Protein backbone atom coordinates (compact mmCIF):
# COMPACT_ATOMS: atom_id res chain seq x y z
CA MET A 1 127.42 96.02 85.15
CA GLN A 2 127.60 99.28 87.07
CA GLU A 3 129.04 99.52 90.37
CA ILE A 4 127.02 99.62 93.69
CA THR A 5 128.45 102.03 95.92
CA ILE A 6 128.04 101.58 99.76
CA GLU A 7 127.33 104.38 102.26
CA ARG A 8 127.26 102.66 105.79
CA THR A 9 124.98 104.06 108.49
CA GLN A 10 126.66 105.93 111.54
CA HIS A 11 123.66 105.42 113.61
CA PRO A 12 122.60 101.62 113.59
CA LYS A 13 119.33 100.85 115.02
CA GLN A 14 118.47 98.56 117.97
CA LYS A 15 117.45 95.12 116.50
CA PRO A 16 114.20 93.49 117.66
CA THR A 17 115.15 91.40 120.93
CA ASP A 18 112.18 89.04 120.70
CA GLN A 19 112.27 87.12 117.30
CA THR A 20 109.06 85.35 118.21
CA ARG A 21 107.13 88.63 118.18
CA LEU A 22 108.43 90.22 114.93
CA GLY A 23 105.03 90.20 113.32
CA PHE A 24 105.10 91.13 109.58
CA GLY A 25 106.42 94.65 108.20
CA ASN A 26 106.96 96.26 111.71
CA TYR A 27 110.74 96.47 111.68
CA TYR A 28 113.40 97.63 108.94
CA THR A 29 116.96 97.38 108.62
CA ASP A 30 119.79 99.71 108.50
CA HIS A 31 120.14 100.28 104.71
CA MET A 32 118.33 100.44 101.45
CA PHE A 33 119.08 100.30 97.81
CA LEU A 34 118.23 103.23 95.46
CA MET A 35 118.71 103.79 91.86
CA ASN A 36 117.20 106.32 89.43
CA TYR A 37 116.08 106.50 86.17
CA ASP A 38 116.14 109.56 83.77
CA GLU A 39 114.81 109.40 80.23
CA GLY A 40 117.79 109.44 77.88
CA LYS A 41 120.18 108.15 80.66
CA GLY A 42 118.53 105.06 81.70
CA TRP A 43 119.03 103.51 85.16
CA HIS A 44 121.97 105.08 86.79
CA ASP A 45 123.62 105.61 90.25
CA PRO A 46 123.03 102.40 92.05
CA ARG A 47 123.71 102.89 95.63
CA ILE A 48 123.26 101.29 99.03
CA VAL A 49 122.62 103.98 101.80
CA PRO A 50 121.26 104.46 105.32
CA TYR A 51 117.62 103.67 105.56
CA GLY A 52 115.40 107.01 105.77
CA PRO A 53 112.74 108.83 104.34
CA ILE A 54 112.44 109.46 100.47
CA GLU A 55 111.80 113.10 99.52
CA LEU A 56 109.03 113.46 96.75
CA ASP A 57 107.62 116.38 95.06
CA PRO A 58 103.94 116.77 95.85
CA ALA A 59 103.33 116.45 92.28
CA ALA A 60 105.21 113.14 92.02
CA MET A 61 103.29 111.07 89.38
CA CYS A 62 103.14 107.94 91.61
CA LEU A 63 100.95 109.86 93.89
CA HIS A 64 98.34 110.78 91.36
CA TYR A 65 98.41 108.03 88.90
CA GLY A 66 99.62 105.11 90.61
CA GLN A 67 102.63 104.07 88.16
CA GLU A 68 104.41 101.74 90.53
CA VAL A 69 105.26 98.19 90.86
CA PHE A 70 106.72 95.93 93.64
CA GLU A 71 108.07 92.46 94.46
CA GLY A 72 108.31 90.37 97.69
CA LEU A 73 110.81 87.45 98.38
CA LYS A 74 112.79 86.20 101.40
CA ALA A 75 116.15 85.64 102.75
CA TYR A 76 116.81 82.68 105.08
CA ARG A 77 119.64 81.99 107.42
CA THR A 78 120.46 77.98 107.64
CA GLU A 79 121.60 76.13 110.69
CA ASP A 80 125.17 76.15 109.42
CA GLY A 81 125.18 79.95 108.86
CA ARG A 82 124.57 80.29 105.21
CA ILE A 83 122.12 82.85 103.66
CA LEU A 84 119.70 81.44 100.98
CA LEU A 85 117.39 83.28 98.59
CA PHE A 86 114.43 81.38 96.85
CA ARG A 87 114.63 81.90 93.25
CA PRO A 88 115.24 85.60 93.04
CA ASP A 89 115.58 85.59 89.36
CA ARG A 90 111.97 84.81 88.83
CA ASN A 91 110.77 87.71 90.98
CA MET A 92 112.84 89.92 89.03
CA ALA A 93 111.59 88.51 85.68
CA ARG A 94 108.02 89.03 87.10
CA LEU A 95 108.94 92.67 88.14
CA ASN A 96 109.93 93.34 84.56
CA SER A 97 106.60 91.88 83.33
CA SER A 98 104.83 94.43 85.65
CA ASN A 99 107.06 97.06 84.33
CA GLU A 100 106.15 96.24 80.78
CA ARG A 101 102.39 96.61 81.66
CA LEU A 102 102.73 99.87 83.60
CA CYS A 103 105.13 101.52 81.01
CA ILE A 104 108.10 101.41 83.44
CA PRO A 105 111.48 101.05 81.87
CA ALA A 106 112.95 97.44 82.39
CA ILE A 107 115.49 96.87 84.73
CA ASP A 108 118.55 94.65 84.29
CA GLU A 109 117.29 91.53 86.06
CA ALA A 110 120.73 90.06 86.79
CA PHE A 111 121.93 93.39 88.12
CA ALA A 112 118.83 93.52 90.31
CA VAL A 113 119.33 90.21 91.82
CA GLU A 114 123.07 91.16 92.59
CA ALA A 115 121.61 94.41 94.25
CA ILE A 116 119.48 92.12 96.46
CA LYS A 117 122.50 89.93 97.38
CA LYS A 118 124.65 93.03 98.12
CA LEU A 119 121.95 94.81 100.38
CA VAL A 120 121.19 91.36 102.30
CA SER A 121 124.86 91.06 102.88
CA VAL A 122 125.30 94.54 104.24
CA ASP A 123 122.39 93.88 106.64
CA GLN A 124 122.90 90.34 107.17
CA ASP A 125 122.95 90.60 110.98
CA TRP A 126 119.29 91.43 110.78
CA ILE A 127 118.17 87.98 109.30
CA PRO A 128 116.45 86.28 112.03
CA THR A 129 117.04 82.61 113.14
CA ALA A 130 113.97 81.72 115.10
CA GLU A 131 111.77 79.09 113.48
CA GLY A 132 109.18 80.61 111.03
CA THR A 133 111.23 83.92 110.65
CA SER A 134 113.12 85.32 107.67
CA LEU A 135 114.33 88.50 106.18
CA TYR A 136 111.67 90.09 103.98
CA ILE A 137 112.95 91.75 100.87
CA ARG A 138 110.80 94.47 99.08
CA PRO A 139 111.93 95.60 95.75
CA PHE A 140 109.70 98.39 94.28
CA ILE A 141 109.81 101.11 91.64
CA PHE A 142 107.72 104.19 91.44
CA ALA A 143 107.45 107.37 89.31
CA THR A 144 108.90 110.43 90.92
CA GLU A 145 108.60 113.07 87.95
CA ALA A 146 106.77 116.10 89.31
CA GLN A 147 103.96 116.30 86.58
CA VAL A 148 100.26 116.61 86.89
CA GLY A 149 99.32 115.04 83.66
CA VAL A 150 98.51 111.41 82.49
CA HIS A 151 101.60 110.01 80.67
CA PRO A 152 104.30 107.43 81.34
CA ALA A 153 106.99 109.17 83.74
CA GLN A 154 110.32 110.05 82.68
CA GLU A 155 111.89 109.85 86.17
CA LEU A 156 111.68 106.91 88.43
CA LEU A 157 113.06 105.36 91.46
CA PHE A 158 114.21 101.94 91.94
CA ALA A 159 114.46 100.95 95.68
CA ILE A 160 114.75 97.61 97.84
CA ILE A 161 114.09 97.57 101.73
CA LEU A 162 114.49 94.78 104.13
CA SER A 163 112.35 93.65 107.14
CA PRO A 164 112.88 90.78 109.41
CA VAL A 165 109.53 89.13 109.89
CA GLY A 166 107.64 86.18 111.34
CA ALA A 167 104.43 84.99 110.02
CA TYR A 168 102.26 86.98 107.75
CA TYR A 169 98.96 85.78 109.52
CA PRO A 170 98.25 85.44 113.16
CA GLU A 171 97.49 81.74 112.39
CA GLY A 172 100.91 81.17 111.22
CA LEU A 173 101.27 78.42 108.79
CA ASN A 174 97.99 76.94 110.30
CA PRO A 175 94.68 76.92 108.25
CA VAL A 176 93.13 80.41 107.44
CA LYS A 177 89.40 81.11 107.36
CA ILE A 178 88.54 82.20 103.67
CA TYR A 179 85.80 84.21 102.45
CA VAL A 180 84.35 83.58 98.99
CA GLU A 181 83.85 87.29 97.47
CA ASP A 182 80.89 87.33 94.94
CA LYS A 183 80.15 91.23 95.39
CA TYR A 184 83.47 93.05 94.47
CA VAL A 185 85.90 92.57 91.64
CA ARG A 186 89.49 92.75 91.97
CA ALA A 187 90.75 92.27 88.34
CA VAL A 188 89.73 91.05 84.91
CA ARG A 189 91.51 89.61 81.81
CA GLY A 190 93.01 92.44 79.89
CA GLY A 191 93.61 94.49 82.90
CA MET A 192 96.56 94.36 85.45
CA GLY A 193 95.55 91.47 87.66
CA TYR A 194 98.83 89.52 86.73
CA THR A 195 100.94 92.46 87.75
CA LYS A 196 102.20 93.11 91.27
CA THR A 197 101.00 96.81 91.47
CA GLY A 198 99.66 98.60 94.26
CA GLY A 199 96.23 99.35 92.39
CA ASN A 200 95.44 95.72 92.75
CA TYR A 201 95.78 95.47 96.35
CA ALA A 202 93.86 98.87 96.66
CA ALA A 203 91.02 97.35 94.97
CA SER A 204 91.06 94.27 97.50
CA LEU A 205 90.82 96.36 100.49
CA LYS A 206 86.96 96.92 100.68
CA ALA A 207 86.40 93.03 100.36
CA GLN A 208 89.23 92.12 102.79
CA ASP A 209 87.82 94.82 105.54
CA GLU A 210 84.37 93.24 105.22
CA ALA A 211 85.60 89.70 105.29
CA GLU A 212 87.52 90.48 108.56
CA LYS A 213 84.66 91.88 110.24
CA VAL A 214 82.78 88.77 109.84
CA GLY A 215 85.62 86.56 111.15
CA TYR A 216 87.70 85.64 107.97
CA THR A 217 91.29 86.19 107.29
CA GLN A 218 91.43 86.21 103.64
CA VAL A 219 89.27 86.66 100.62
CA LEU A 220 88.75 84.01 97.82
CA TRP A 221 88.34 86.00 94.48
CA LEU A 222 86.07 84.84 91.74
CA ASP A 223 86.34 85.98 88.02
CA GLY A 224 85.34 89.50 87.32
CA VAL A 225 82.84 88.81 84.74
CA GLU A 226 80.53 85.99 85.69
CA ARG A 227 81.76 86.04 89.43
CA LYS A 228 81.50 82.16 89.81
CA TYR A 229 84.92 80.63 88.86
CA ILE A 230 87.73 80.56 91.32
CA GLU A 231 90.85 82.52 90.62
CA GLU A 232 93.16 83.35 93.57
CA VAL A 233 93.49 84.29 97.13
CA GLY A 234 94.17 87.83 98.09
CA THR A 235 97.84 86.92 99.03
CA MET A 236 97.96 83.53 97.65
CA ASN A 237 97.45 81.07 94.80
CA VAL A 238 95.15 78.23 95.30
CA PHE A 239 95.38 74.35 94.65
CA PHE A 240 92.76 71.66 95.04
CA VAL A 241 93.41 68.06 95.50
CA ILE A 242 90.54 66.43 93.81
CA ASP A 243 90.51 62.52 93.82
CA ASP A 244 93.97 61.85 92.30
CA GLU A 245 94.41 65.05 90.61
CA ILE A 246 95.78 68.44 91.73
CA VAL A 247 94.13 71.30 90.10
CA THR A 248 94.57 75.06 89.97
CA PRO A 249 93.20 77.94 87.80
CA GLU A 250 95.02 78.65 84.87
CA LEU A 251 96.84 81.93 84.30
CA GLN A 252 94.76 84.12 82.01
CA GLY A 253 95.85 87.51 82.88
CA SER A 254 93.73 88.22 86.00
CA ILE A 255 95.99 86.13 88.28
CA LEU A 256 99.20 86.88 89.64
CA PRO A 257 101.74 84.18 88.40
CA GLY A 258 103.16 83.22 91.87
CA VAL A 259 106.76 81.97 92.03
CA THR A 260 105.70 79.76 94.76
CA ARG A 261 102.73 78.38 92.49
CA MET A 262 105.22 77.83 89.57
CA SER A 263 107.74 76.14 91.93
CA CYS A 264 104.90 73.73 93.44
CA ILE A 265 103.68 72.85 89.87
CA GLU A 266 107.31 72.15 88.80
CA LEU A 267 107.84 69.83 91.94
CA LEU A 268 104.66 67.96 91.84
CA LYS A 269 105.15 66.99 88.24
CA LYS A 270 108.76 66.03 88.92
CA GLN A 271 107.25 63.82 91.59
CA GLY A 272 104.88 62.07 89.30
CA TYR A 273 101.66 63.97 90.38
CA LYS A 274 98.88 64.83 87.92
CA VAL A 275 98.81 68.59 87.86
CA SER A 276 96.03 70.61 85.81
CA GLU A 277 95.72 74.17 85.12
CA ILE A 278 92.09 74.70 84.24
CA ALA A 279 90.53 77.87 82.89
CA ASP A 280 87.11 78.95 84.21
CA PHE A 281 88.05 76.74 87.15
CA LEU A 282 85.35 75.23 89.64
CA ASN A 283 82.01 76.75 89.00
CA ILE A 284 81.08 77.49 92.49
CA SER A 285 77.75 79.06 91.62
CA PRO A 286 74.40 77.71 93.67
CA GLY A 287 73.95 73.96 92.69
CA ASN A 288 77.51 73.64 91.31
CA VAL A 289 79.69 74.07 94.51
CA LYS A 290 78.74 71.00 96.47
CA VAL A 291 78.97 68.59 93.59
CA ARG A 292 82.66 69.72 93.08
CA LEU A 293 83.90 70.83 96.29
CA HIS A 294 82.81 67.54 98.15
CA ARG A 295 85.37 65.70 96.19
CA ALA A 296 88.28 67.98 97.14
CA ARG A 297 90.52 66.36 99.70
CA LYS A 298 92.58 69.43 100.30
CA ILE A 299 92.76 72.95 99.53
CA ILE A 300 96.24 74.38 99.45
CA LEU A 301 97.27 77.90 99.46
CA THR A 302 100.61 79.16 97.93
CA GLY A 303 102.37 82.41 98.28
CA LEU A 304 102.95 83.37 101.87
CA GLU A 305 106.72 83.37 101.21
CA GLU A 306 105.91 86.35 98.75
CA ASN A 307 103.57 88.55 100.18
CA GLY A 308 104.87 87.16 101.71
CA ASN A 309 105.88 86.24 98.45
CA GLU A 310 102.91 85.10 96.34
């Protein structure tokens, strides 16, 4: 395993004084992790350096063709002072799944987890302790090769940044208003819906903007072909409690496989609940929605930890 060098900042930032007003993605810690990739050399030069701008050539391929992926997870400070991460190995496995789809060289997952741990350790004083807060961890990889031409990049950068955060939504952990989107499409099977890449989120912006204008917090996406089967919410997977069964859309290539989703399914089954993953889930076209939804005792959204976490 390669050694991670550490260059500590000589100019520490002032930390937020009111942890109840952190918001999400407004503050960044003193350091970041960087690691380069060059064809023929592989991933090399892992380092923790002071947080700051990254220089890019105007022809960098990520700016023109969107070859980039990212992840999201969190670190927590316990009452007895320990620092906890939630299943970071699963996030790094998903990052490699995204890498494969976007022709990005795979990372060493175990090494990436160690890089996260080391960076969090260096900036551990930034982990907030107020209720509902955490340290958000954003690993990401993007093409840096300067080439105006469509092909997989031969030069890339793997980076990790940290941000002390509160709740992702103004409602916090309270229920959010969801708009059912039947006009715009985010992803289809065979595309990149199961990856965590910026293009998927760019495709959701128009629907999200229109939903917010009419008073909704998030968009519930339907399938991209018939536009009548429930898939997922913009930043969350979704579960329905119907009678004595917990049901969720099946992963078929257009839905992000949430780490929180997977963990909920594992925990629910372990506790004896009936959990079903269903293809072409819950036809909500006119005439069907009332028949099915009136039986749902509860709708559960997962993933705020990841896109929180997703």
